[in-house]
């Protein structure tokens, strides 16, 4: 029997917060595209984020998002 896909009608913020706290992988959907990438960063920066515990990848994403929001990515 084929799996049926039920399109969510609203964001389940409790689930988002729970998965972020667990550093769970982000599910890819057609509504939000979050490509996977490899990038190089300085070892000290990586260690500083990893030292904050689970969710460090989510916090890196938030820091980059903040930089974009404040125009820090403009050349």
C-alpha atoms as a PDB file:
ATOM      1  CA  UNK A   1       0.000   0.000   0.000  1.00  0.00           C
ATOM      2  CA  UNK A   2       1.527   3.378  -0.973  1.00  0.00           C
ATOM      3  CA  UNK A   3       2.258   5.924   1.703  1.00  0.00           C
ATOM      4  CA  UNK A   4      -0.044   8.901   1.728  1.00  0.00           C
ATOM      5  CA  UNK A   5       1.361  12.367   2.201  1.00  0.00           C
ATOM      6  CA  UNK A   6      -0.621  14.758   4.352  1.00  0.00           C
ATOM      7  CA  UNK A   7       0.326  18.358   3.737  1.00  0.00           C
ATOM      8  CA  UNK A   8       0.645  20.188   7.059  1.00  0.00           C
ATOM      9  CA  UNK A   9      -1.695  23.125   7.490  1.00  0.00           C
ATOM     10  CA  UNK A  10       0.376  24.990  10.078  1.00  0.00           C
ATOM     11  CA  UNK A  11       3.848  24.955  11.546  1.00  0.00           C
ATOM     12  CA  UNK A  12       4.234  22.663  14.537  1.00  0.00           C
ATOM     13  CA  UNK A  13       6.515  24.976  16.538  1.00  0.00           C
ATOM     14  CA  UNK A  14       6.716  22.560  19.468  1.00  0.00           C
ATOM     15  CA  UNK A  15       8.131  19.907  17.132  1.00  0.00           C
ATOM     16  CA  UNK A  16      10.525  22.412  15.550  1.00  0.00           C
ATOM     17  CA  UNK A  17      11.856  23.484  18.959  1.00  0.00           C
ATOM     18  CA  UNK A  18      12.110  19.871  20.143  1.00  0.00           C
ATOM     19  CA  UNK A  19      14.045  18.770  17.042  1.00  0.00           C
ATOM     20  CA  UNK A  20      16.302  21.832  17.166  1.00  0.00           C
ATOM     21  CA  UNK A  21      17.139  21.040  20.789  1.00  0.00           C
ATOM     22  CA  UNK A  22      18.026  17.480  19.752  1.00  0.00           C
ATOM     23  CA  UNK A  23      20.048  18.708  16.753  1.00  0.00           C
ATOM     24  CA  UNK A  24      17.736  16.554  14.623  1.00  0.00           C
ATOM     25  CA  UNK A  25      18.165  16.681  10.859  1.00  0.00           C
ATOM     26  CA  UNK A  26      15.848  19.125   9.156  1.00  0.00           C
ATOM     27  CA  UNK A  27      13.270  17.377   6.990  1.00  0.00           C
ATOM     28  CA  UNK A  28      13.291  18.605   3.413  1.00  0.00           C
ATOM     29  CA  UNK A  29       9.956  19.753   2.081  1.00  0.00           C
ATOM     30  CA  UNK A  30       8.852  21.414  -1.104  1.00  0.00           C
ATOM     31  CA  UNK A  31       7.859  24.515   0.872  1.00  0.00           C
ATOM     32  CA  UNK A  32      11.282  25.111   2.451  1.00  0.00           C
ATOM     33  CA  UNK A  33      14.433  24.167   0.625  1.00  0.00           C
ATOM     34  CA  UNK A  34      17.483  23.760   2.820  1.00  0.00           C
ATOM     35  CA  UNK A  35      20.270  22.360   0.723  1.00  0.00           C
ATOM     36  CA  UNK A  36      23.002  20.319   2.291  1.00  0.00           C
ATOM     37  CA  UNK A  37      26.475  21.694   1.758  1.00  0.00           C
ATOM     38  CA  UNK A  38      30.054  21.260   2.757  1.00  0.00           C
ATOM     39  CA  UNK A  39      31.861  24.373   3.859  1.00  0.00           C
ATOM     40  CA  UNK A  40      35.183  25.189   5.428  1.00  0.00           C
ATOM     41  CA  UNK A  41      35.400  27.252   8.591  1.00  0.00           C
ATOM     42  CA  UNK A  42      38.248  27.848  10.990  1.00  0.00           C
ATOM     43  CA  UNK A  43      38.736  25.112  13.553  1.00  0.00           C
ATOM     44  CA  UNK A  44      38.385  27.520  16.479  1.00  0.00           C
ATOM     45  CA  UNK A  45      34.989  28.688  15.217  1.00  0.00           C
ATOM     46  CA  UNK A  46      33.786  25.113  14.796  1.00  0.00           C
ATOM     47  CA  UNK A  47      34.989  24.121  18.244  1.00  0.00           C
ATOM     48  CA  UNK A  48      33.331  27.179  19.809  1.00  0.00           C
ATOM     49  CA  UNK A  49      29.954  26.188  18.338  1.00  0.00           C
ATOM     50  CA  UNK A  50      30.386  22.492  19.162  1.00  0.00           C
ATOM     51  CA  UNK A  51      31.253  23.434  22.750  1.00  0.00           C
ATOM     52  CA  UNK A  52      27.727  24.851  23.133  1.00  0.00           C
ATOM     53  CA  UNK A  53      26.314  21.310  22.968  1.00  0.00           C
ATOM     54  CA  UNK A  54      23.510  19.780  20.948  1.00  0.00           C
ATOM     55  CA  UNK A  55      21.969  22.097  18.413  1.00  0.00           C
ATOM     56  CA  UNK A  56      25.284  23.674  17.394  1.00  0.00           C
ATOM     57  CA  UNK A  57      24.524  23.279  13.671  1.00  0.00           C
ATOM     58  CA  UNK A  58      21.191  25.031  14.166  1.00  0.00           C
ATOM     59  CA  UNK A  59      22.991  27.837  15.995  1.00  0.00           C
ATOM     60  CA  UNK A  60      25.481  28.222  13.127  1.00  0.00           C
ATOM     61  CA  UNK A  61      22.538  28.520  10.743  1.00  0.00           C
ATOM     62  CA  UNK A  62      20.924  31.123  13.024  1.00  0.00           C
ATOM     63  CA  UNK A  63      24.168  33.133  13.176  1.00  0.00           C
ATOM     64  CA  UNK A  64      24.451  33.110   9.383  1.00  0.00           C
ATOM     65  CA  UNK A  65      20.792  34.050   9.049  1.00  0.00           C
ATOM     66  CA  UNK A  66      21.376  36.967  11.414  1.00  0.00           C
ATOM     67  CA  UNK A  67      24.351  38.116   9.341  1.00  0.00           C
ATOM     68  CA  UNK A  68      22.219  38.103   6.191  1.00  0.00           C
ATOM     69  CA  UNK A  69      19.397  39.971   7.965  1.00  0.00           C
ATOM     70  CA  UNK A  70      21.834  42.705   9.034  1.00  0.00           C
ATOM     71  CA  UNK A  71      23.432  43.044   5.602  1.00  0.00           C
ATOM     72  CA  UNK A  72      26.784  41.673   6.710  1.00  0.00           C
ATOM     73  CA  UNK A  73      27.078  39.534   3.575  1.00  0.00           C
ATOM     74  CA  UNK A  74      27.288  42.460   1.158  1.00  0.00           C
ATOM     75  CA  UNK A  75      30.624  42.889  -0.572  1.00  0.00           C
END
